[in-house]
Protein backbone atom coordinates (compact mmCIF):
# COMPACT_ATOMS: atom_id res chain seq x y z
CA MET A 1 12.61 -22.66 86.17
CA ASN A 2 9.19 -24.21 86.60
CA LYS A 3 7.07 -24.07 89.75
CA ILE A 4 5.96 -27.67 90.28
CA ASN A 5 3.38 -28.66 92.85
CA GLU A 6 4.05 -32.38 92.40
CA ILE A 7 5.10 -35.09 89.97
CA PHE A 8 3.41 -38.44 90.50
CA TYR A 9 2.43 -41.70 88.83
CA SER A 10 -1.18 -42.86 88.72
CA LEU A 11 -4.05 -43.61 86.37
CA GLN A 12 -5.62 -40.84 84.32
CA GLY A 13 -8.93 -40.34 86.05
CA GLU A 14 -10.79 -38.09 83.59
CA GLY A 15 -11.63 -37.69 79.93
CA PHE A 16 -10.56 -39.69 76.90
CA TYR A 17 -7.57 -41.45 78.51
CA THR A 18 -9.41 -42.52 81.68
CA GLY A 19 -7.76 -45.61 83.15
CA THR A 20 -4.45 -45.12 81.34
CA PRO A 21 -1.25 -45.17 83.45
CA ALA A 22 0.30 -41.70 83.36
CA VAL A 23 2.94 -39.51 84.93
CA PHE A 24 1.38 -36.26 86.08
CA VAL A 25 3.40 -33.05 86.18
CA ARG A 26 1.27 -30.66 88.23
CA PHE A 27 2.35 -27.04 87.77
CA ALA A 28 1.66 -24.56 90.56
CA GLY A 29 -0.04 -21.29 89.78
CA CYS A 30 -3.03 -20.32 87.70
CA ASN A 31 -4.48 -17.21 86.12
CA LEU A 32 -8.01 -18.17 87.22
CA HIS A 33 -9.39 -18.88 90.67
CA CYS A 34 -12.02 -21.62 90.40
CA SER A 35 -13.82 -22.55 93.62
CA PHE A 36 -13.54 -26.29 92.85
CA CYS A 37 -9.79 -26.32 92.07
CA ASP A 38 -7.89 -29.20 93.69
CA THR A 39 -4.37 -27.76 93.36
CA GLN A 40 -2.32 -26.11 96.11
CA HIS A 41 -0.82 -23.07 94.40
CA THR A 42 1.27 -21.75 97.27
CA SER A 43 3.35 -24.87 97.78
CA PHE A 44 5.84 -25.75 95.05
CA THR A 45 9.39 -26.77 94.22
CA THR A 46 11.30 -25.26 91.32
CA PHE A 47 12.45 -27.65 88.60
CA SER A 48 14.36 -27.13 85.38
CA ASP A 49 12.95 -28.83 82.28
CA GLU A 50 15.73 -31.41 82.59
CA ALA A 51 14.87 -32.11 86.24
CA ILE A 52 11.20 -32.61 85.32
CA VAL A 53 12.20 -35.14 82.67
CA ALA A 54 14.48 -36.95 85.13
CA GLU A 55 11.53 -37.34 87.53
CA VAL A 56 9.18 -38.46 84.74
CA LEU A 57 11.67 -41.13 83.62
CA LYS A 58 11.48 -42.81 87.03
CA TYR A 59 8.13 -44.23 85.89
CA SER A 60 7.38 -46.62 83.05
CA ALA A 61 4.27 -44.93 81.61
CA THR A 62 4.61 -43.29 78.21
CA LEU A 63 1.70 -40.90 78.81
CA VAL A 64 2.75 -37.65 80.51
CA VAL A 65 0.01 -35.24 81.60
CA LEU A 66 0.96 -31.60 82.10
CA THR A 67 -1.66 -30.24 84.47
CA GLY A 68 -2.06 -27.69 87.19
CA GLY A 69 -2.95 -25.05 88.07
CA GLU A 70 -2.49 -23.83 84.55
CA PRO A 71 0.42 -25.58 82.81
CA SER A 72 0.41 -23.34 79.73
CA LEU A 73 1.76 -20.50 81.89
CA GLN A 74 5.06 -22.39 82.30
CA ALA A 75 5.35 -25.44 80.01
CA THR A 76 7.60 -24.88 76.99
CA THR A 77 8.31 -26.50 73.64
CA HIS A 78 11.75 -27.34 75.04
CA LEU A 79 10.20 -29.42 77.85
CA VAL A 80 7.93 -31.22 75.40
CA ASP A 81 10.87 -31.86 73.04
CA LEU A 82 12.84 -33.41 75.90
CA LEU A 83 9.91 -35.66 76.81
CA HIS A 84 9.47 -36.67 73.16
CA ALA A 85 13.18 -37.53 72.97
CA HIS A 86 12.46 -40.16 75.64
CA GLY A 87 9.45 -41.62 73.83
CA ARG A 88 6.79 -39.91 75.90
CA PHE A 89 3.33 -38.88 74.63
CA VAL A 90 2.59 -35.44 76.07
CA SER A 91 -0.91 -34.33 77.00
CA ILE A 92 -1.83 -30.96 78.48
CA GLU A 93 -4.93 -30.13 80.53
CA THR A 94 -5.50 -26.42 80.14
CA ASN A 95 -8.13 -23.75 80.73
CA GLY A 96 -7.37 -22.40 77.23
CA THR A 97 -6.57 -18.83 78.21
CA LYS A 98 -3.02 -19.13 76.86
CA LEU A 99 -1.68 -21.14 73.93
CA PRO A 100 0.00 -24.38 74.98
CA PRO A 101 3.33 -25.44 73.48
CA ALA A 102 2.71 -26.17 69.79
CA ASN A 103 4.36 -29.60 69.99
CA VAL A 104 2.12 -31.24 72.61
CA ASP A 105 0.45 -34.43 71.38
CA TRP A 106 -2.97 -34.03 73.00
CA ILE A 107 -4.87 -30.98 74.23
CA THR A 108 -7.61 -31.30 76.81
CA LEU A 109 -9.34 -27.93 76.86
CA SER A 110 -11.31 -27.30 80.03
CA PRO A 111 -12.59 -23.71 79.90
CA LYS A 112 -13.60 -22.05 83.13
CA GLN A 113 -15.91 -19.17 84.04
CA GLY A 114 -14.18 -15.82 83.61
CA GLY A 115 -11.46 -17.09 81.29
CA ALA A 116 -11.25 -15.70 77.74
CA LEU A 117 -10.17 -18.45 75.35
CA ALA A 118 -6.97 -17.94 73.35
CA TYR A 119 -7.87 -20.66 70.82
CA SER A 120 -10.83 -22.79 69.79
CA LYS A 121 -9.48 -26.20 68.75
CA ALA A 122 -8.53 -29.17 70.95
CA ASN A 123 -8.47 -32.95 70.93
CA GLU A 124 -11.02 -33.05 73.71
CA LEU A 125 -13.22 -30.50 75.38
CA LYS A 126 -13.94 -31.25 79.03
CA VAL A 127 -16.34 -28.89 80.77
CA VAL A 128 -17.09 -28.97 84.48
CA PHE A 129 -20.89 -28.90 84.49
CA GLU A 130 -22.56 -26.59 86.97
CA GLY A 131 -25.88 -26.23 85.14
CA GLN A 132 -24.63 -23.57 82.72
CA ASP A 133 -25.65 -23.34 79.05
CA MET A 134 -23.44 -25.74 77.11
CA GLU A 135 -24.58 -25.39 73.51
CA HIS A 136 -22.25 -22.50 72.63
CA PHE A 137 -19.27 -24.79 73.29
CA LEU A 138 -20.33 -27.05 70.42
CA THR A 139 -20.21 -24.18 67.93
CA GLU A 140 -17.28 -22.22 69.39
CA ILE A 141 -14.82 -25.06 70.05
CA GLU A 142 -13.76 -27.70 67.56
CA ALA A 143 -12.89 -30.97 69.28
CA GLN A 144 -12.80 -34.66 68.49
CA HIS A 145 -14.46 -35.49 71.83
CA TYR A 146 -16.86 -33.49 74.01
CA PHE A 147 -17.07 -34.40 77.71
CA LEU A 148 -19.22 -33.08 80.55
CA GLN A 149 -17.93 -33.65 84.04
CA PRO A 150 -19.99 -33.28 87.21
CA CYS A 151 -18.49 -30.66 89.53
CA SER A 152 -16.50 -32.64 92.11
CA ASN A 153 -18.83 -35.62 91.45
CA LYS A 154 -21.63 -33.76 93.28
CA ASN A 155 -24.17 -33.13 90.51
CA VAL A 156 -23.99 -36.46 88.68
CA LYS A 157 -27.77 -36.79 88.23
CA GLU A 158 -28.11 -33.36 86.60
CA THR A 159 -25.11 -34.03 84.37
CA LEU A 160 -26.54 -37.37 83.23
CA GLU A 161 -29.91 -35.76 82.49
CA TYR A 162 -28.23 -33.07 80.40
CA ILE A 163 -26.18 -35.60 78.41
CA LEU A 164 -29.23 -37.77 77.72
CA LYS A 165 -30.98 -34.70 76.26
CA HIS A 166 -27.81 -33.57 74.41
CA PRO A 167 -26.09 -36.74 73.12
CA GLN A 168 -23.21 -34.84 71.53
CA TRP A 169 -21.69 -34.88 75.02
CA ARG A 170 -20.09 -37.83 76.81
CA LEU A 171 -19.76 -38.31 80.55
CA SER A 172 -16.41 -37.86 82.28
CA LEU A 173 -16.28 -38.79 85.94
CA GLN A 174 -13.38 -38.05 88.25
CA THR A 175 -12.69 -41.75 88.70
CA HIS A 176 -9.52 -41.06 90.67
CA LYS A 177 -11.68 -39.41 93.34
CA ILE A 178 -14.23 -42.23 93.27
CA LEU A 179 -11.42 -44.80 93.67
CA ASN A 180 -9.60 -42.63 96.21
CA ILE A 181 -6.32 -42.62 94.27
CA ARG A 182 -4.20 -39.66 93.21
């Protein structure tokens, strides 16, 4: 059984798929405790993989985002197989401390302070920028896309300045927060 905080339909607000309709499966629980986390970890409902898929199928989007908390603590290849059987493209947003299911279609790696990475390859790297040194990410993590994201949209100016000096990075804003949508 999976501990699910919520399943909802909205637009992807961050990273490569920004603006794309998606069904979000937000898992409760995480192995890190980031001060800026926007997930309630104590409130959840238990769902089987089949029940998750039934909820996802209520919406027309083909993009499914496994998020959290930390989804790699609970998401399984079985769940991803079930979603694939219904024509869904499965993305996972993970802190990278545990390997995600091998059959996910897209990995968004978002490493956090204090988390030792279990792997070093992803489709996109999305780092919450708090002024920390970023250059080691470019050599330690292989990704197709490298995004810097202001922390809770508060340090946008500093993030822009960093990207302009380091053009390997692209800007990712939390557009769902700017637009006041889920």
